[in-house]
Amino acid sequence: MINARQSAGFSLIEVLVSFLVLSIGVLGMAGLQLSALKFNQTAAVRSQATFLAYDIADRMRANRVKAKSGNYDIALSADAPTGSGIEAADLQQWKAALVTQLPDGAGSVARNGGRVTVTVQWDESRVGGQSTQQFVYETQL
């Protein structure tokens, strides 16, 4: 039989060990939550980049004659064209959407015959990803 003096402090050690195990579990859950938030932000930005690439492709299909003549071609670092034509307005709105909806967003359109390559680029370093990401969309006009 164990007397009370020999077991003094034993339950305090059990409480401290259980508190340590619980603390490690809570820290693990917090880490998982941070990773989930990061991956969710990355997925949202990639979805927006995809939407913006499809947006300019749809605008080009709506104005197919001007698109096939190269009026929508624009370099990645180029500013939106000035002018009042439909293609200029489309590119102005698209470039503005890239800048406002993506972190350091930029885009380009390159035409090769009837095939068009749309590139959307953004910076993902804010959420811990690689610094520059690109979405490239190729389609037929």
N, C-alpha and C. Protein backbone atom coordinates (compact mmCIF):
# COMPACT_ATOMS: atom_id res chain seq x y z
N MET A 1 0.83 -1.16 0.00
CA MET A 1 0.00 0.00 0.00
C MET A 1 0.89 1.24 0.00
N ILE A 2 0.52 2.23 -0.87
CA ILE A 2 1.29 3.46 -0.99
C ILE A 2 0.67 4.49 -0.07
N ASN A 3 1.53 5.08 0.73
CA ASN A 3 0.97 6.10 1.62
C ASN A 3 0.91 7.44 0.90
N ALA A 4 0.26 8.40 1.45
CA ALA A 4 0.00 9.69 0.84
C ALA A 4 1.28 10.48 0.60
N ARG A 5 2.30 10.30 1.45
CA ARG A 5 3.54 11.05 1.30
C ARG A 5 4.31 10.60 0.07
N GLN A 6 4.26 9.32 -0.28
CA GLN A 6 5.00 8.82 -1.44
C GLN A 6 4.37 9.26 -2.76
N SER A 7 3.08 9.47 -2.80
CA SER A 7 2.42 9.85 -4.05
C SER A 7 2.20 11.35 -4.18
N ALA A 8 2.73 12.13 -3.27
CA ALA A 8 2.56 13.58 -3.34
C ALA A 8 3.26 14.13 -4.58
N GLY A 9 2.58 14.96 -5.37
CA GLY A 9 3.14 15.56 -6.56
C GLY A 9 3.00 14.72 -7.81
N PHE A 10 2.56 13.48 -7.70
CA PHE A 10 2.45 12.61 -8.85
C PHE A 10 1.37 13.11 -9.81
N SER A 11 0.23 13.54 -9.34
CA SER A 11 -0.83 14.02 -10.23
C SER A 11 -0.45 15.35 -10.87
N LEU A 12 0.39 16.15 -10.24
CA LEU A 12 0.86 17.39 -10.84
C LEU A 12 1.71 17.09 -12.07
N ILE A 13 2.54 16.08 -12.02
CA ILE A 13 3.36 15.67 -13.16
C ILE A 13 2.46 15.19 -14.29
N GLU A 14 1.42 14.43 -13.99
CA GLU A 14 0.49 13.97 -15.01
C GLU A 14 -0.21 15.14 -15.69
N VAL A 15 -0.59 16.13 -14.92
CA VAL A 15 -1.25 17.31 -15.48
C VAL A 15 -0.29 18.08 -16.39
N LEU A 16 0.97 18.23 -15.99
CA LEU A 16 1.95 18.94 -16.81
C LEU A 16 2.23 18.20 -18.12
N VAL A 17 2.35 16.89 -18.06
CA VAL A 17 2.59 16.10 -19.28
C VAL A 17 1.39 16.21 -20.22
N SER A 18 0.17 16.11 -19.68
CA SER A 18 -1.01 16.22 -20.53
C SER A 18 -1.12 17.63 -21.12
N PHE A 19 -0.73 18.64 -20.36
CA PHE A 19 -0.74 20.01 -20.88
C PHE A 19 0.28 20.16 -22.01
N LEU A 20 1.44 19.54 -21.89
CA LEU A 20 2.46 19.57 -22.94
C LEU A 20 1.95 18.90 -24.21
N VAL A 21 1.32 17.76 -24.09
CA VAL A 21 0.78 17.04 -25.24
C VAL A 21 -0.32 17.87 -25.91
N LEU A 22 -1.19 18.46 -25.12
CA LEU A 22 -2.25 19.30 -25.64
C LEU A 22 -1.67 20.52 -26.36
N SER A 23 -0.64 21.14 -25.80
CA SER A 23 -0.02 22.32 -26.42
C SER A 23 0.59 21.98 -27.77
N ILE A 24 1.24 20.84 -27.88
CA ILE A 24 1.82 20.42 -29.15
C ILE A 24 0.71 20.19 -30.18
N GLY A 25 -0.37 19.60 -29.76
CA GLY A 25 -1.51 19.39 -30.67
C GLY A 25 -2.12 20.69 -31.15
N VAL A 26 -2.27 21.66 -30.27
CA VAL A 26 -2.83 22.96 -30.65
C VAL A 26 -1.89 23.68 -31.61
N LEU A 27 -0.58 23.63 -31.37
CA LEU A 27 0.37 24.25 -32.29
C LEU A 27 0.33 23.58 -33.66
N GLY A 28 0.18 22.27 -33.69
CA GLY A 28 0.06 21.55 -34.96
C GLY A 28 -1.18 21.97 -35.72
N MET A 29 -2.29 22.13 -35.03
CA MET A 29 -3.53 22.57 -35.68
C MET A 29 -3.40 24.00 -36.20
N ALA A 30 -2.71 24.86 -35.47
CA ALA A 30 -2.50 26.23 -35.93
C ALA A 30 -1.65 26.25 -37.20
N GLY A 31 -0.63 25.40 -37.24
CA GLY A 31 0.20 25.29 -38.44
C GLY A 31 -0.59 24.79 -39.64
N LEU A 32 -1.46 23.81 -39.41
CA LEU A 32 -2.32 23.32 -40.50
C LEU A 32 -3.26 24.41 -40.99
N GLN A 33 -3.79 25.20 -40.08
CA GLN A 33 -4.70 26.28 -40.46
C GLN A 33 -3.97 27.32 -41.30
N LEU A 34 -2.75 27.68 -40.93
CA LEU A 34 -1.97 28.63 -41.71
C LEU A 34 -1.65 28.10 -43.10
N SER A 35 -1.33 26.82 -43.19
CA SER A 35 -1.07 26.22 -44.51
C SER A 35 -2.33 26.23 -45.36
N ALA A 36 -3.45 25.92 -44.76
CA ALA A 36 -4.72 25.92 -45.50
C ALA A 36 -5.04 27.32 -46.02
N LEU A 37 -4.81 28.35 -45.21
CA LEU A 37 -5.05 29.71 -45.65
C LEU A 37 -4.14 30.09 -46.82
N LYS A 38 -2.88 29.70 -46.74
CA LYS A 38 -1.92 30.00 -47.80
C LYS A 38 -2.33 29.32 -49.11
N PHE A 39 -2.68 28.04 -49.04
CA PHE A 39 -3.07 27.31 -50.24
C PHE A 39 -4.39 27.84 -50.81
N ASN A 40 -5.29 28.27 -49.96
CA ASN A 40 -6.55 28.84 -50.41
C ASN A 40 -6.31 30.15 -51.14
N GLN A 41 -5.42 30.99 -50.62
CA GLN A 41 -5.09 32.26 -51.27
C GLN A 41 -4.44 32.01 -52.61
N THR A 42 -3.53 31.06 -52.68
CA THR A 42 -2.86 30.72 -53.93
C THR A 42 -3.87 30.24 -54.97
N ALA A 43 -4.78 29.38 -54.56
CA ALA A 43 -5.80 28.86 -55.47
C ALA A 43 -6.72 29.97 -55.96
N ALA A 44 -7.07 30.90 -55.10
CA ALA A 44 -7.94 32.01 -55.50
C ALA A 44 -7.26 32.89 -56.55
N VAL A 45 -5.97 33.16 -56.37
CA VAL A 45 -5.24 33.99 -57.33
C VAL A 45 -5.11 33.26 -58.67
N ARG A 46 -4.84 31.97 -58.63
CA ARG A 46 -4.73 31.20 -59.87
C ARG A 46 -6.06 31.13 -60.60
N SER A 47 -7.14 30.99 -59.86
CA SER A 47 -8.47 30.99 -60.48
C SER A 47 -8.75 32.33 -61.15
N GLN A 48 -8.38 33.41 -60.49
CA GLN A 48 -8.59 34.74 -61.06
C GLN A 48 -7.74 34.93 -62.31
N ALA A 49 -6.51 34.43 -62.31
CA ALA A 49 -5.65 34.52 -63.49
C ALA A 49 -6.25 33.74 -64.66
N THR A 50 -6.80 32.59 -64.38
CA THR A 50 -7.45 31.79 -65.41
C THR A 50 -8.65 32.53 -65.99
N PHE A 51 -9.45 33.11 -65.12
CA PHE A 51 -10.61 33.87 -65.56
C PHE A 51 -10.19 35.04 -66.46
N LEU A 52 -9.13 35.75 -66.09
CA LEU A 52 -8.68 36.89 -66.87
C LEU A 52 -8.13 36.47 -68.24
N ALA A 53 -7.48 35.33 -68.31
CA ALA A 53 -7.00 34.83 -69.60
C ALA A 53 -8.18 34.48 -70.51
N TYR A 54 -9.18 33.83 -69.95
CA TYR A 54 -10.37 33.50 -70.73
C TYR A 54 -11.13 34.76 -71.14
N ASP A 55 -11.09 35.78 -70.30
CA ASP A 55 -11.78 37.04 -70.58
C ASP A 55 -11.25 37.69 -71.85
N ILE A 56 -9.93 37.82 -71.98
CA ILE A 56 -9.38 38.46 -73.17
C ILE A 56 -9.58 37.58 -74.39
N ALA A 57 -9.54 36.28 -74.22
CA ALA A 57 -9.79 35.39 -75.36
C ALA A 57 -11.23 35.54 -75.86
N ASP A 58 -12.17 35.67 -74.96
CA ASP A 58 -13.57 35.88 -75.35
C ASP A 58 -13.76 37.23 -76.03
N ARG A 59 -13.07 38.25 -75.53
CA ARG A 59 -13.14 39.57 -76.17
C ARG A 59 -12.58 39.51 -77.59
N MET A 60 -11.52 38.73 -77.77
CA MET A 60 -10.93 38.60 -79.10
C MET A 60 -11.87 37.84 -80.04
N ARG A 61 -12.54 36.84 -79.53
CA ARG A 61 -13.49 36.10 -80.36
C ARG A 61 -14.67 36.98 -80.77
N ALA A 62 -15.04 37.90 -79.89
CA ALA A 62 -16.14 38.81 -80.20
C ALA A 62 -15.73 39.83 -81.27
N ASN A 63 -14.45 40.11 -81.39
CA ASN A 63 -13.92 41.06 -82.37
C ASN A 63 -12.88 40.33 -83.22
N ARG A 64 -13.30 39.23 -83.82
CA ARG A 64 -12.40 38.29 -84.50
C ARG A 64 -11.59 38.94 -85.63
N VAL A 65 -12.18 39.84 -86.41
CA VAL A 65 -11.47 40.44 -87.53
C VAL A 65 -10.26 41.24 -87.04
N LYS A 66 -10.47 42.07 -86.04
CA LYS A 66 -9.36 42.87 -85.49
C LYS A 66 -8.34 41.98 -84.77
N ALA A 67 -8.82 40.92 -84.13
CA ALA A 67 -7.90 40.02 -83.42
C ALA A 67 -7.00 39.28 -84.41
N LYS A 68 -7.56 38.83 -85.52
CA LYS A 68 -6.76 38.12 -86.52
C LYS A 68 -5.78 39.04 -87.23
N SER A 69 -6.07 40.33 -87.24
CA SER A 69 -5.15 41.28 -87.87
C SER A 69 -4.05 41.73 -86.92
N GLY A 70 -4.09 41.29 -85.67
CA GLY A 70 -3.00 41.59 -84.73
C GLY A 70 -3.23 42.79 -83.84
N ASN A 71 -4.42 43.33 -83.83
CA ASN A 71 -4.68 44.53 -83.02
C ASN A 71 -4.72 44.23 -81.52
N TYR A 72 -4.83 42.98 -81.14
CA TYR A 72 -4.86 42.62 -79.73
C TYR A 72 -3.48 42.18 -79.22
N ASP A 73 -2.51 42.07 -80.11
CA ASP A 73 -1.17 41.63 -79.69
C ASP A 73 -0.56 42.69 -78.78
N ILE A 74 -0.05 42.23 -77.64
CA ILE A 74 0.55 43.15 -76.67
C ILE A 74 1.60 42.38 -75.86
N ALA A 75 2.70 43.04 -75.56
CA ALA A 75 3.79 42.41 -74.80
C ALA A 75 3.47 42.42 -73.31
N LEU A 76 4.17 41.58 -72.57
CA LEU A 76 3.94 41.42 -71.13
C LEU A 76 4.18 42.72 -70.37
N SER A 77 5.21 43.45 -70.73
CA SER A 77 5.54 44.67 -70.00
C SER A 77 4.96 45.93 -70.63
N ALA A 78 4.21 45.79 -71.73
CA ALA A 78 3.67 46.97 -72.42
C ALA A 78 2.47 47.54 -71.69
N ASP A 79 2.33 48.84 -71.80
CA ASP A 79 1.15 49.51 -71.26
C ASP A 79 -0.02 49.29 -72.21
N ALA A 80 -1.21 49.49 -71.69
CA ALA A 80 -2.40 49.36 -72.52
C ALA A 80 -2.38 50.43 -73.60
N PRO A 81 -2.84 50.09 -74.79
CA PRO A 81 -2.81 51.08 -75.87
C PRO A 81 -3.81 52.21 -75.62
N THR A 82 -3.47 53.34 -76.18
CA THR A 82 -4.42 54.45 -76.12
C THR A 82 -5.25 54.40 -77.39
N GLY A 83 -6.39 54.95 -77.35
CA GLY A 83 -7.26 54.95 -78.52
C GLY A 83 -8.69 54.69 -78.11
N SER A 84 -9.57 54.79 -79.10
CA SER A 84 -10.98 54.63 -78.79
C SER A 84 -11.61 53.44 -79.49
N GLY A 85 -10.81 52.64 -80.16
CA GLY A 85 -11.36 51.46 -80.82
C GLY A 85 -11.76 50.40 -79.81
N ILE A 86 -12.54 49.44 -80.28
CA ILE A 86 -13.00 48.36 -79.40
C ILE A 86 -11.81 47.57 -78.86
N GLU A 87 -10.85 47.27 -79.71
CA GLU A 87 -9.69 46.49 -79.26
C GLU A 87 -8.86 47.26 -78.24
N ALA A 88 -8.73 48.58 -78.42
CA ALA A 88 -7.99 49.39 -77.45
C ALA A 88 -8.71 49.42 -76.11
N ALA A 89 -10.04 49.57 -76.16
CA ALA A 89 -10.83 49.57 -74.91
C ALA A 89 -10.76 48.22 -74.23
N ASP A 90 -10.82 47.13 -75.01
CA ASP A 90 -10.71 45.79 -74.42
C ASP A 90 -9.38 45.60 -73.72
N LEU A 91 -8.30 46.01 -74.37
CA LEU A 91 -6.97 45.85 -73.77
C LEU A 91 -6.78 46.77 -72.57
N GLN A 92 -7.33 47.97 -72.63
CA GLN A 92 -7.25 48.87 -71.48
C GLN A 92 -7.96 48.27 -70.28
N GLN A 93 -9.15 47.74 -70.48
CA GLN A 93 -9.91 47.13 -69.38
C GLN A 93 -9.22 45.88 -68.87
N TRP A 94 -8.66 45.09 -69.78
CA TRP A 94 -7.99 43.85 -69.38
C TRP A 94 -6.72 44.15 -68.58
N LYS A 95 -5.91 45.09 -69.06
CA LYS A 95 -4.68 45.45 -68.33
C LYS A 95 -5.02 46.04 -66.96
N ALA A 96 -6.08 46.84 -66.88
CA ALA A 96 -6.50 47.40 -65.59
C ALA A 96 -6.96 46.29 -64.65
N ALA A 97 -7.68 45.31 -65.17
CA ALA A 97 -8.13 44.19 -64.34
C ALA A 97 -6.95 43.35 -63.86
N LEU A 98 -5.95 43.16 -64.69
CA LEU A 98 -4.75 42.42 -64.28
C LEU A 98 -4.07 43.09 -63.10
N VAL A 99 -3.95 44.40 -63.17
CA VAL A 99 -3.26 45.15 -62.11
C VAL A 99 -4.06 45.16 -60.81
N THR A 100 -5.39 45.30 -60.93
CA THR A 100 -6.21 45.43 -59.72
C THR A 100 -6.56 44.09 -59.08
N GLN A 101 -6.65 43.03 -59.87
CA GLN A 101 -7.12 41.75 -59.34
C GLN A 101 -6.03 40.75 -59.03
N LEU A 102 -4.83 41.00 -59.50
CA LEU A 102 -3.70 40.09 -59.24
C LEU A 102 -2.56 40.88 -58.59
N PRO A 103 -1.81 40.26 -57.69
CA PRO A 103 -0.65 40.95 -57.12
C PRO A 103 0.45 41.11 -58.18
N ASP A 104 0.77 42.35 -58.51
CA ASP A 104 1.74 42.67 -59.57
C ASP A 104 1.38 41.98 -60.88
N GLY A 105 0.12 42.03 -61.24
CA GLY A 105 -0.37 41.33 -62.43
C GLY A 105 0.05 41.99 -63.72
N ALA A 106 0.32 41.16 -64.72
CA ALA A 106 0.67 41.60 -66.06
C ALA A 106 0.18 40.54 -67.04
N GLY A 107 0.07 40.92 -68.29
CA GLY A 107 -0.41 39.96 -69.28
C GLY A 107 0.08 40.29 -70.67
N SER A 108 0.08 39.27 -71.51
CA SER A 108 0.48 39.46 -72.91
C SER A 108 -0.42 38.61 -73.80
N VAL A 109 -0.52 39.06 -75.05
CA VAL A 109 -1.26 38.33 -76.08
C VAL A 109 -0.35 38.23 -77.28
N ALA A 110 -0.14 37.01 -77.77
CA ALA A 110 0.69 36.78 -78.96
C ALA A 110 -0.10 35.93 -79.94
N ARG A 111 -0.12 36.34 -81.20
CA ARG A 111 -0.87 35.65 -82.23
C ARG A 111 0.09 35.00 -83.20
N ASN A 112 -0.23 33.80 -83.60
CA ASN A 112 0.55 33.08 -84.60
C ASN A 112 -0.46 32.46 -85.56
N GLY A 113 -0.77 33.19 -86.61
CA GLY A 113 -1.82 32.74 -87.52
C GLY A 113 -3.16 32.82 -86.82
N GLY A 114 -3.86 31.72 -86.76
CA GLY A 114 -5.15 31.68 -86.08
C GLY A 114 -5.05 31.28 -84.62
N ARG A 115 -3.85 30.95 -84.18
CA ARG A 115 -3.64 30.55 -82.78
C ARG A 115 -3.21 31.75 -81.95
N VAL A 116 -3.75 31.82 -80.75
CA VAL A 116 -3.44 32.92 -79.84
C VAL A 116 -2.92 32.35 -78.54
N THR A 117 -1.84 32.94 -78.01
CA THR A 117 -1.30 32.56 -76.72
C THR A 117 -1.47 33.74 -75.77
N VAL A 118 -2.22 33.50 -74.70
CA VAL A 118 -2.45 34.52 -73.68
C VAL A 118 -1.63 34.11 -72.46
N THR A 119 -0.80 35.03 -71.98
CA THR A 119 0.02 34.77 -70.79
C THR A 119 -0.39 35.75 -69.70
N VAL A 120 -0.70 35.22 -68.54
CA VAL A 120 -1.02 36.05 -67.37
C VAL A 120 0.05 35.76 -66.32
N GLN A 121 0.64 36.81 -65.79
CA GLN A 121 1.74 36.67 -64.82
C GLN A 121 1.42 37.47 -63.56
N TRP A 122 1.82 36.91 -62.41
CA TRP A 122 1.60 37.59 -61.14
C TRP A 122 2.68 37.17 -60.15
N ASP A 123 2.77 37.91 -59.05
CA ASP A 123 3.76 37.66 -58.00
C ASP A 123 3.08 36.94 -56.85
N GLU A 124 3.64 35.80 -56.47
CA GLU A 124 3.05 34.98 -55.42
C GLU A 124 3.91 34.92 -54.17
N SER A 125 4.94 35.74 -54.08
CA SER A 125 5.85 35.68 -52.94
C SER A 125 5.19 36.14 -51.65
N ARG A 126 4.13 36.91 -51.74
CA ARG A 126 3.45 37.42 -50.54
C ARG A 126 2.85 36.28 -49.71
N VAL A 127 2.44 35.20 -50.37
CA VAL A 127 1.85 34.08 -49.63
C VAL A 127 2.82 32.91 -49.50
N GLY A 128 4.09 33.17 -49.72
CA GLY A 128 5.10 32.14 -49.50
C GLY A 128 5.37 31.25 -50.68
N GLY A 129 4.81 31.55 -51.83
CA GLY A 129 5.06 30.74 -53.02
C GLY A 129 6.28 31.23 -53.77
N GLN A 130 6.47 30.68 -54.96
CA GLN A 130 7.55 31.16 -55.80
C GLN A 130 7.24 32.60 -56.18
N SER A 131 8.27 33.36 -56.50
CA SER A 131 8.05 34.80 -56.69
C SER A 131 7.17 35.11 -57.90
N THR A 132 7.38 34.50 -59.04
CA THR A 132 6.59 34.81 -60.23
C THR A 132 5.91 33.55 -60.75
N GLN A 133 4.62 33.67 -60.97
CA GLN A 133 3.84 32.57 -61.53
C GLN A 133 3.25 33.01 -62.85
N GLN A 134 3.02 32.06 -63.75
CA GLN A 134 2.40 32.36 -65.03
C GLN A 134 1.34 31.33 -65.36
N PHE A 135 0.29 31.82 -65.99
CA PHE A 135 -0.72 30.95 -66.58
C PHE A 135 -0.71 31.24 -68.06
N VAL A 136 -0.51 30.20 -68.86
CA VAL A 136 -0.44 30.35 -70.32
C VAL A 136 -1.63 29.60 -70.92
N TYR A 137 -2.39 30.31 -71.73
CA TYR A 137 -3.58 29.76 -72.36
C TYR A 137 -3.46 29.89 -73.87
N GLU A 138 -3.54 28.78 -74.57
CA GLU A 138 -3.49 28.79 -76.03
C GLU A 138 -4.86 28.40 -76.56
N THR A 139 -5.28 29.15 -77.57
CA THR A 139 -6.60 28.87 -78.14
C THR A 139 -6.59 29.21 -79.62
N GLN A 140 -7.60 28.74 -80.30
CA GLN A 140 -7.80 29.00 -81.72
C GLN A 140 -8.87 30.07 -81.88
N LEU A 141 -8.63 31.04 -82.73
CA LEU A 141 -9.65 32.07 -82.98
C LEU A 141 -10.67 31.57 -83.97
